[in-house]
PDB file of N, CA and C in Angstrom:
ATOM      1  N   UNK A   1     -15.371 -56.549 -28.610  1.00  0.00           N
ATOM      2  CA  UNK A   1     -15.299 -55.117 -28.801  1.00  0.00           C
ATOM      3  C   UNK A   1     -16.291 -54.706 -29.887  1.00  0.00           C
ATOM      4  N   UNK A   2     -16.886 -53.547 -29.700  1.00  0.00           N
ATOM      5  CA  UNK A   2     -17.757 -53.031 -30.746  1.00  0.00           C
ATOM      6  C   UNK A   2     -16.922 -52.212 -31.742  1.00  0.00           C
ATOM      7  N   UNK A   3     -17.552 -51.770 -32.817  1.00  0.00           N
ATOM      8  CA  UNK A   3     -16.824 -51.061 -33.872  1.00  0.00           C
ATOM      9  C   UNK A   3     -16.124 -49.806 -33.360  1.00  0.00           C
ATOM     10  N   UNK A   4     -16.778 -49.075 -32.474  1.00  0.00           N
ATOM     11  CA  UNK A   4     -16.198 -47.841 -31.942  1.00  0.00           C
ATOM     12  C   UNK A   4     -14.913 -48.137 -31.177  1.00  0.00           C
ATOM     13  N   UNK A   5     -14.903 -49.202 -30.406  1.00  0.00           N
ATOM     14  CA  UNK A   5     -13.715 -49.581 -29.646  1.00  0.00           C
ATOM     15  C   UNK A   5     -12.604 -50.062 -30.569  1.00  0.00           C
ATOM     16  N   UNK A   6     -12.973 -50.803 -31.601  1.00  0.00           N
ATOM     17  CA  UNK A   6     -11.976 -51.280 -32.571  1.00  0.00           C
ATOM     18  C   UNK A   6     -11.321 -50.095 -33.268  1.00  0.00           C
ATOM     19  N   UNK A   7     -12.128 -49.124 -33.687  1.00  0.00           N
ATOM     20  CA  UNK A   7     -11.589 -47.939 -34.352  1.00  0.00           C
ATOM     21  C   UNK A   7     -10.629 -47.206 -33.429  1.00  0.00           C
ATOM     22  N   UNK A   8     -10.997 -47.025 -32.177  1.00  0.00           N
ATOM     23  CA  UNK A   8     -10.128 -46.346 -31.208  1.00  0.00           C
ATOM     24  C   UNK A   8      -8.805 -47.105 -31.054  1.00  0.00           C
ATOM     25  N   UNK A   9      -8.876 -48.430 -30.965  1.00  0.00           N
ATOM     26  CA  UNK A   9      -7.674 -49.249 -30.818  1.00  0.00           C
ATOM     27  C   UNK A   9      -6.770 -49.098 -32.039  1.00  0.00           C
ATOM     28  N   UNK A  10      -7.373 -49.175 -33.233  1.00  0.00           N
ATOM     29  CA  UNK A  10      -6.590 -49.064 -34.469  1.00  0.00           C
ATOM     30  C   UNK A  10      -5.957 -47.687 -34.612  1.00  0.00           C
ATOM     31  N   UNK A  11      -6.677 -46.647 -34.238  1.00  0.00           N
ATOM     32  CA  UNK A  11      -6.122 -45.293 -34.333  1.00  0.00           C
ATOM     33  C   UNK A  11      -4.959 -45.114 -33.365  1.00  0.00           C
ATOM     34  N   UNK A  12      -4.974 -45.812 -32.249  1.00  0.00           N
ATOM     35  CA  UNK A  12      -3.824 -45.800 -31.349  1.00  0.00           C
ATOM     36  C   UNK A  12      -2.655 -46.579 -31.929  1.00  0.00           C
ATOM     37  N   UNK A  13      -2.952 -47.718 -32.526  1.00  0.00           N
ATOM     38  CA  UNK A  13      -1.907 -48.583 -33.092  1.00  0.00           C
ATOM     39  C   UNK A  13      -1.193 -47.932 -34.263  1.00  0.00           C
ATOM     40  N   UNK A  14      -1.908 -47.133 -35.022  1.00  0.00           N
ATOM     41  CA  UNK A  14      -1.317 -46.552 -36.231  1.00  0.00           C
ATOM     42  C   UNK A  14      -0.223 -45.531 -35.913  1.00  0.00           C
ATOM     43  N   UNK A  15      -0.121 -45.116 -34.665  1.00  0.00           N
ATOM     44  CA  UNK A  15       0.969 -44.218 -34.286  1.00  0.00           C
ATOM     45  C   UNK A  15       2.321 -44.906 -34.430  1.00  0.00           C
ATOM     46  N   UNK A  16       2.327 -46.228 -34.500  1.00  0.00           N
ATOM     47  CA  UNK A  16       3.552 -46.983 -34.752  1.00  0.00           C
ATOM     48  C   UNK A  16       3.760 -47.226 -36.241  1.00  0.00           C
ATOM     49  N   UNK A  17       2.911 -46.655 -37.077  1.00  0.00           N
ATOM     50  CA  UNK A  17       2.953 -46.927 -38.505  1.00  0.00           C
ATOM     51  C   UNK A  17       3.435 -45.760 -39.338  1.00  0.00           C
ATOM     52  N   UNK A  18       3.495 -46.015 -40.637  1.00  0.00           N
ATOM     53  CA  UNK A  18       3.864 -44.993 -41.608  1.00  0.00           C
ATOM     54  C   UNK A  18       2.878 -45.057 -42.765  1.00  0.00           C
ATOM     55  N   UNK A  19       2.797 -43.954 -43.510  1.00  0.00           N
ATOM     56  CA  UNK A  19       1.922 -43.900 -44.672  1.00  0.00           C
ATOM     57  C   UNK A  19       2.782 -43.772 -45.918  1.00  0.00           C
ATOM     58  N   UNK A  20       2.535 -44.627 -46.914  1.00  0.00           N
ATOM     59  CA  UNK A  20       3.274 -44.607 -48.167  1.00  0.00           C
ATOM     60  C   UNK A  20       2.458 -43.826 -49.196  1.00  0.00           C
ATOM     61  N   UNK A  21       2.899 -42.625 -49.514  1.00  0.00           N
ATOM     62  CA  UNK A  21       2.180 -41.760 -50.456  1.00  0.00           C
ATOM     63  C   UNK A  21       2.075 -42.402 -51.840  1.00  0.00           C
ATOM     64  N   UNK A  22       3.138 -43.018 -52.288  1.00  0.00           N
ATOM     65  CA  UNK A  22       3.170 -43.597 -53.637  1.00  0.00           C
ATOM     66  C   UNK A  22       2.127 -44.706 -53.790  1.00  0.00           C
ATOM     67  N   UNK A  23       2.075 -45.619 -52.828  1.00  0.00           N
ATOM     68  CA  UNK A  23       1.158 -46.760 -52.916  1.00  0.00           C
ATOM     69  C   UNK A  23      -0.153 -46.532 -52.171  1.00  0.00           C
ATOM     70  N   UNK A  24      -0.216 -45.426 -51.422  1.00  0.00           N
ATOM     71  CA  UNK A  24      -1.411 -45.069 -50.642  1.00  0.00           C
ATOM     72  C   UNK A  24      -1.804 -46.179 -49.658  1.00  0.00           C
ATOM     73  N   UNK A  25      -0.783 -46.671 -48.961  1.00  0.00           N
ATOM     74  CA  UNK A  25      -1.007 -47.719 -47.969  1.00  0.00           C
ATOM     75  C   UNK A  25      -0.439 -47.294 -46.621  1.00  0.00           C
ATOM     76  N   UNK A  26      -1.019 -47.832 -45.577  1.00  0.00           N
ATOM     77  CA  UNK A  26      -0.511 -47.650 -44.220  1.00  0.00           C
ATOM     78  C   UNK A  26       0.229 -48.921 -43.851  1.00  0.00           C
ATOM     79  N   UNK A  27       1.437 -48.760 -43.267  1.00  0.00           N
ATOM     80  CA  UNK A  27       2.272 -49.890 -42.879  1.00  0.00           C
ATOM     81  C   UNK A  27       2.580 -49.807 -41.397  1.00  0.00           C
ATOM     82  N   UNK A  28       2.417 -50.934 -40.722  1.00  0.00           N
ATOM     83  CA  UNK A  28       2.797 -51.027 -39.314  1.00  0.00           C
ATOM     84  C   UNK A  28       3.793 -52.176 -39.198  1.00  0.00           C
ATOM     85  N   UNK A  29       5.009 -51.867 -38.750  1.00  0.00           N
ATOM     86  CA  UNK A  29       6.078 -52.868 -38.621  1.00  0.00           C
ATOM     87  C   UNK A  29       6.201 -53.309 -37.181  1.00  0.00           C
ATOM     88  N   UNK A  30       6.535 -54.579 -37.013  1.00  0.00           N
ATOM     89  CA  UNK A  30       6.589 -55.135 -35.655  1.00  0.00           C
ATOM     90  C   UNK A  30       7.312 -56.479 -35.696  1.00  0.00           C
ATOM     91  N   UNK A  31       8.068 -56.771 -34.663  1.00  0.00           N
ATOM     92  CA  UNK A  31       8.696 -58.093 -34.553  1.00  0.00           C
ATOM     93  C   UNK A  31       7.672 -59.140 -34.129  1.00  0.00           C
ATOM     94  N   UNK A  32       6.646 -58.715 -33.424  1.00  0.00           N
ATOM     95  CA  UNK A  32       5.625 -59.624 -32.911  1.00  0.00           C
ATOM     96  C   UNK A  32       4.512 -59.806 -33.946  1.00  0.00           C
ATOM     97  N   UNK A  33       4.574 -60.865 -34.712  1.00  0.00           N
ATOM     98  CA  UNK A  33       3.579 -61.103 -35.752  1.00  0.00           C
ATOM     99  C   UNK A  33       2.183 -61.340 -35.165  1.00  0.00           C
ATOM    100  N   UNK A  34       2.119 -61.837 -33.944  1.00  0.00           N
ATOM    101  CA  UNK A  34       0.814 -62.100 -33.326  1.00  0.00           C
ATOM    102  C   UNK A  34       0.021 -60.804 -33.141  1.00  0.00           C
ATOM    103  N   UNK A  35       0.700 -59.726 -32.774  1.00  0.00           N
ATOM    104  CA  UNK A  35       0.020 -58.440 -32.621  1.00  0.00           C
ATOM    105  C   UNK A  35      -0.506 -57.949 -33.972  1.00  0.00           C
ATOM    106  N   UNK A  36       0.280 -58.166 -35.015  1.00  0.00           N
ATOM    107  CA  UNK A  36      -0.165 -57.769 -36.354  1.00  0.00           C
ATOM    108  C   UNK A  36      -1.393 -58.579 -36.779  1.00  0.00           C
ATOM    109  N   UNK A  37      -1.451 -59.836 -36.377  1.00  0.00           N
ATOM    110  CA  UNK A  37      -2.626 -60.659 -36.687  1.00  0.00           C
ATOM    111  C   UNK A  37      -3.869 -60.119 -35.980  1.00  0.00           C
ATOM    112  N   UNK A  38      -3.696 -59.604 -34.771  1.00  0.00           N
ATOM    113  CA  UNK A  38      -4.817 -58.993 -34.051  1.00  0.00           C
ATOM    114  C   UNK A  38      -5.301 -57.762 -34.813  1.00  0.00           C
ATOM    115  N   UNK A  39      -4.357 -56.934 -35.266  1.00  0.00           N
ATOM    116  CA  UNK A  39      -4.732 -55.746 -36.036  1.00  0.00           C
ATOM    117  C   UNK A  39      -5.434 -56.131 -37.333  1.00  0.00           C
ATOM    118  N   UNK A  40      -4.932 -57.167 -37.994  1.00  0.00           N
ATOM    119  CA  UNK A  40      -5.545 -57.645 -39.243  1.00  0.00           C
ATOM    120  C   UNK A  40      -6.980 -58.085 -38.982  1.00  0.00           C
ATOM    121  N   UNK A  41      -7.211 -58.778 -37.883  1.00  0.00           N
ATOM    122  CA  UNK A  41      -8.544 -59.234 -37.513  1.00  0.00           C
ATOM    123  C   UNK A  41      -9.460 -58.039 -37.221  1.00  0.00           C
ATOM    124  N   UNK A  42      -8.940 -57.036 -36.527  1.00  0.00           N
ATOM    125  CA  UNK A  42      -9.722 -55.833 -36.241  1.00  0.00           C
ATOM    126  C   UNK A  42     -10.124 -55.133 -37.537  1.00  0.00           C
ATOM    127  N   UNK A  43      -9.195 -55.013 -38.460  1.00  0.00           N
ATOM    128  CA  UNK A  43      -9.498 -54.382 -39.742  1.00  0.00           C
ATOM    129  C   UNK A  43     -10.559 -55.175 -40.502  1.00  0.00           C
ATOM    130  N   UNK A  44     -10.435 -56.497 -40.463  1.00  0.00           N
ATOM    131  CA  UNK A  44     -11.410 -57.357 -41.164  1.00  0.00           C
ATOM    132  C   UNK A  44     -12.813 -57.189 -40.579  1.00  0.00           C
ATOM    133  N   UNK A  45     -12.903 -57.046 -39.253  1.00  0.00           N
ATOM    134  CA  UNK A  45     -14.209 -56.852 -38.620  1.00  0.00           C
ATOM    135  C   UNK A  45     -14.878 -55.563 -39.085  1.00  0.00           C
ATOM    136  N   UNK A  46     -14.071 -54.597 -39.492  1.00  0.00           N
ATOM    137  CA  UNK A  46     -14.607 -53.335 -40.000  1.00  0.00           C
ATOM    138  C   UNK A  46     -14.780 -53.355 -41.518  1.00  0.00           C
ATOM    139  N   UNK A  47     -14.419 -54.478 -42.144  1.00  0.00           N
ATOM    140  CA  UNK A  47     -14.597 -54.622 -43.583  1.00  0.00           C
ATOM    141  C   UNK A  47     -13.410 -54.189 -44.424  1.00  0.00           C
ATOM    142  N   UNK A  48     -12.241 -54.036 -43.807  1.00  0.00           N
ATOM    143  CA  UNK A  48     -11.040 -53.624 -44.541  1.00  0.00           C
ATOM    144  C   UNK A  48     -10.115 -54.812 -44.775  1.00  0.00           C
ATOM    145  N   UNK A  49      -9.435 -54.777 -45.899  1.00  0.00           N
ATOM    146  CA  UNK A  49      -8.438 -55.810 -46.212  1.00  0.00           C
ATOM    147  C   UNK A  49      -7.067 -55.354 -45.752  1.00  0.00           C
ATOM    148  N   UNK A  50      -6.239 -56.322 -45.381  1.00  0.00           N
ATOM    149  CA  UNK A  50      -4.847 -56.047 -45.031  1.00  0.00           C
ATOM    150  C   UNK A  50      -4.038 -57.314 -45.266  1.00  0.00           C
ATOM    151  N   UNK A  51      -2.741 -57.172 -45.302  1.00  0.00           N
ATOM    152  CA  UNK A  51      -1.877 -58.325 -45.525  1.00  0.00           C
ATOM    153  C   UNK A  51      -0.626 -58.175 -44.673  1.00  0.00           C
ATOM    154  N   UNK A  52      -0.044 -59.310 -44.318  1.00  0.00           N
ATOM    155  CA  UNK A  52       1.148 -59.352 -43.473  1.00  0.00           C
ATOM    156  C   UNK A  52       2.252 -60.065 -44.247  1.00  0.00           C
ATOM    157  N   UNK A  53       3.448 -59.507 -44.168  1.00  0.00           N
ATOM    158  CA  UNK A  53       4.587 -60.159 -44.801  1.00  0.00           C
ATOM    159  C   UNK A  53       5.847 -59.896 -43.984  1.00  0.00           C
ATOM    160  N   UNK A  54       6.844 -60.763 -44.189  1.00  0.00           N
ATOM    161  CA  UNK A  54       8.129 -60.607 -43.513  1.00  0.00           C
ATOM    162  C   UNK A  54       8.971 -59.632 -44.326  1.00  0.00           C
ATOM    163  N   UNK A  55       9.604 -58.694 -43.636  1.00  0.00           N
ATOM    164  CA  UNK A  55      10.425 -57.701 -44.323  1.00  0.00           C
ATOM    165  C   UNK A  55      11.880 -58.169 -44.338  1.00  0.00           C
ATOM    166  N   UNK A  56      12.348 -58.528 -45.489  1.00  0.00           N
ATOM    167  CA  UNK A  56      13.719 -59.005 -45.630  1.00  0.00           C
ATOM    168  C   UNK A  56      13.856 -60.466 -45.239  1.00  0.00           C
ATOM    169  N   UNK A  57      14.896 -61.094 -45.736  1.00  0.00           N
ATOM    170  CA  UNK A  57      15.115 -62.520 -45.454  1.00  0.00           C
ATOM    171  C   UNK A  57      15.702 -62.762 -44.077  1.00  0.00           C
ATOM    172  N   UNK A  58      16.592 -61.880 -43.645  1.00  0.00           N
ATOM    173  CA  UNK A  58      17.306 -62.138 -42.395  1.00  0.00           C
ATOM    174  C   UNK A  58      16.802 -61.303 -41.216  1.00  0.00           C
ATOM    175  N   UNK A  59      15.829 -60.450 -41.461  1.00  0.00           N
ATOM    176  CA  UNK A  59      15.315 -59.602 -40.376  1.00  0.00           C
ATOM    177  C   UNK A  59      14.123 -60.274 -39.712  1.00  0.00           C
ATOM    178  N   UNK A  60      13.993 -60.093 -38.426  1.00  0.00           N
ATOM    179  CA  UNK A  60      12.847 -60.626 -37.696  1.00  0.00           C
ATOM    180  C   UNK A  60      11.752 -59.577 -37.575  1.00  0.00           C
ATOM    181  N   UNK A  61      11.427 -58.936 -38.699  1.00  0.00           N
ATOM    182  CA  UNK A  61      10.439 -57.859 -38.709  1.00  0.00           C
ATOM    183  C   UNK A  61       9.322 -58.220 -39.672  1.00  0.00           C
ATOM    184  N   UNK A  62       8.099 -58.015 -39.220  1.00  0.00           N
ATOM    185  CA  UNK A  62       6.927 -58.273 -40.047  1.00  0.00           C
ATOM    186  C   UNK A  62       6.178 -56.965 -40.262  1.00  0.00           C
ATOM    187  N   UNK A  63       5.452 -56.891 -41.359  1.00  0.00           N
ATOM    188  CA  UNK A  63       4.727 -55.677 -41.714  1.00  0.00           C
ATOM    189  C   UNK A  63       3.283 -56.021 -42.004  1.00  0.00           C
ATOM    190  N   UNK A  64       2.378 -55.253 -41.425  1.00  0.00           N
ATOM    191  CA  UNK A  64       0.980 -55.293 -41.811  1.00  0.00           C
ATOM    192  C   UNK A  64       0.770 -54.083 -42.710  1.00  0.00           C
ATOM    193  N   UNK A  65       0.185 -54.317 -43.867  1.00  0.00           N
ATOM    194  CA  UNK A  65      -0.049 -53.234 -44.811  1.00  0.00           C
ATOM    195  C   UNK A  65      -1.523 -53.238 -45.197  1.00  0.00           C
ATOM    196  N   UNK A  66      -2.095 -52.038 -45.345  1.00  0.00           N
ATOM    197  CA  UNK A  66      -3.506 -51.928 -45.679  1.00  0.00           C
ATOM    198  C   UNK A  66      -3.783 -50.640 -46.446  1.00  0.00           C
ATOM    199  N   UNK A  67      -4.839 -50.655 -47.217  1.00  0.00           N
ATOM    200  CA  UNK A  67      -5.303 -49.445 -47.889  1.00  0.00           C
ATOM    201  C   UNK A  67      -6.528 -48.879 -47.167  1.00  0.00           C
ATOM    202  N   UNK A  68      -6.808 -49.362 -45.986  1.00  0.00           N
ATOM    203  CA  UNK A  68      -7.981 -48.926 -45.220  1.00  0.00           C
ATOM    204  C   UNK A  68      -7.993 -47.409 -45.074  1.00  0.00           C
ATOM    205  N   UNK A  69      -9.107 -46.808 -45.438  1.00  0.00           N
ATOM    206  CA  UNK A  69      -9.190 -45.344 -45.377  1.00  0.00           C
ATOM    207  C   UNK A  69      -9.453 -44.821 -43.968  1.00  0.00           C
ATOM    208  N   UNK A  70      -9.610 -45.707 -43.016  1.00  0.00           N
ATOM    209  CA  UNK A  70      -9.831 -45.291 -41.628  1.00  0.00           C
ATOM    210  C   UNK A  70      -8.654 -44.472 -41.105  1.00  0.00           C
ATOM    211  N   UNK A  71      -7.463 -44.694 -41.626  1.00  0.00           N
ATOM    212  CA  UNK A  71      -6.269 -44.019 -41.154  1.00  0.00           C
ATOM    213  C   UNK A  71      -6.017 -42.685 -41.858  1.00  0.00           C
ATOM    214  N   UNK A  72      -6.793 -42.370 -42.869  1.00  0.00           N
ATOM    215  CA  UNK A  72      -6.536 -41.169 -43.668  1.00  0.00           C
ATOM    216  C   UNK A  72      -7.180 -39.911 -43.110  1.00  0.00           C
ATOM    217  N   UNK A  73      -8.083 -40.051 -42.157  1.00  0.00           N
ATOM    218  CA  UNK A  73      -8.740 -38.872 -41.597  1.00  0.00           C
ATOM    219  C   UNK A  73      -8.267 -38.648 -40.169  1.00  0.00           C
ATOM    220  N   UNK A  74      -8.368 -37.433 -39.718  1.00  0.00           N
ATOM    221  CA  UNK A  74      -8.000 -37.108 -38.345  1.00  0.00           C
ATOM    222  C   UNK A  74      -9.153 -37.486 -37.423  1.00  0.00           C
ATOM    223  N   UNK A  75      -8.906 -38.291 -36.406  1.00  0.00           N
ATOM    224  CA  UNK A  75      -9.992 -38.697 -35.505  1.00  0.00           C
ATOM    225  C   UNK A  75     -10.466 -37.546 -34.630  1.00  0.00           C
ATOM    226  N   UNK A  76     -11.719 -37.592 -34.292  1.00  0.00           N
ATOM    227  CA  UNK A  76     -12.300 -36.635 -33.363  1.00  0.00           C
ATOM    228  C   UNK A  76     -12.555 -37.373 -32.057  1.00  0.00           C
ATOM    229  N   UNK A  77     -11.735 -37.142 -31.025  1.00  0.00           N
ATOM    230  CA  UNK A  77     -11.879 -37.902 -29.781  1.00  0.00           C
ATOM    231  C   UNK A  77     -13.231 -37.699 -29.114  1.00  0.00           C
ATOM    232  N   UNK A  78     -13.869 -36.583 -29.366  1.00  0.00           N
ATOM    233  CA  UNK A  78     -15.178 -36.324 -28.769  1.00  0.00           C
ATOM    234  C   UNK A  78     -16.225 -37.266 -29.352  1.00  0.00           C
ATOM    235  N   UNK A  79     -15.983 -37.777 -30.558  1.00  0.00           N
ATOM    236  CA  UNK A  79     -16.936 -38.666 -31.216  1.00  0.00           C
ATOM    237  C   UNK A  79     -17.051 -40.012 -30.500  1.00  0.00           C
ATOM    238  N   UNK A  80     -16.047 -40.380 -29.724  1.00  0.00           N
ATOM    239  CA  UNK A  80     -16.089 -41.646 -29.002  1.00  0.00           C
ATOM    240  C   UNK A  80     -16.843 -41.457 -27.688  1.00  0.00           C
ATOM    241  N   UNK A  81     -17.614 -42.456 -27.329  1.00  0.00           N
ATOM    242  CA  UNK A  81     -18.405 -42.324 -26.105  1.00  0.00           C
ATOM    243  C   UNK A  81     -17.481 -42.256 -24.887  1.00  0.00           C
ATOM    244  N   UNK A  82     -17.910 -41.490 -23.906  1.00  0.00           N
ATOM    245  CA  UNK A  82     -17.106 -41.286 -22.702  1.00  0.00           C
ATOM    246  C   UNK A  82     -17.070 -42.525 -21.831  1.00  0.00           C
ATOM    247  N   UNK A  83     -18.054 -43.398 -21.968  1.00  0.00           N
ATOM    248  CA  UNK A  83     -18.148 -44.570 -21.092  1.00  0.00           C
ATOM    249  C   UNK A  83     -17.713 -45.857 -21.763  1.00  0.00           C
ATOM    250  N   UNK A  84     -17.070 -45.767 -22.914  1.00  0.00           N
ATOM    251  CA  UNK A  84     -16.674 -46.973 -23.635  1.00  0.00           C
ATOM    252  C   UNK A  84     -15.639 -47.743 -22.820  1.00  0.00           C
ATOM    253  N   UNK A  85     -15.846 -49.032 -22.727  1.00  0.00           N
ATOM    254  CA  UNK A  85     -14.927 -49.916 -22.012  1.00  0.00           C
ATOM    255  C   UNK A  85     -14.445 -50.992 -22.966  1.00  0.00           C
ATOM    256  N   UNK A  86     -13.170 -51.249 -22.976  1.00  0.00           N
ATOM    257  CA  UNK A  86     -12.619 -52.320 -23.804  1.00  0.00           C
ATOM    258  C   UNK A  86     -12.620 -53.584 -22.972  1.00  0.00           C
ATOM    259  N   UNK A  87     -13.273 -54.602 -23.488  1.00  0.00           N
ATOM    260  CA  UNK A  87     -13.361 -55.856 -22.733  1.00  0.00           C
ATOM    261  C   UNK A  87     -12.393 -56.888 -23.255  1.00  0.00           C
TER     262      UNK A  87
END
């Protein structure tokens, strides 16, 4: 995937996330840690740091957290090419 496709994918994924005003981080929770690893890899390809941790001792929930500023702006769908294909 090129950067434009990665950004589009991440902007879709963040709809499952929340923003922490106090810490200025975006959090995406998920039981499937493998999906969070994919998101972490996508963020790294764009030059952003993120970290994954288990939430609670007895819960099967994992969290990806990042300070990536990509999530702080409203996307412009017209900015993405009309012929972009995710491979």
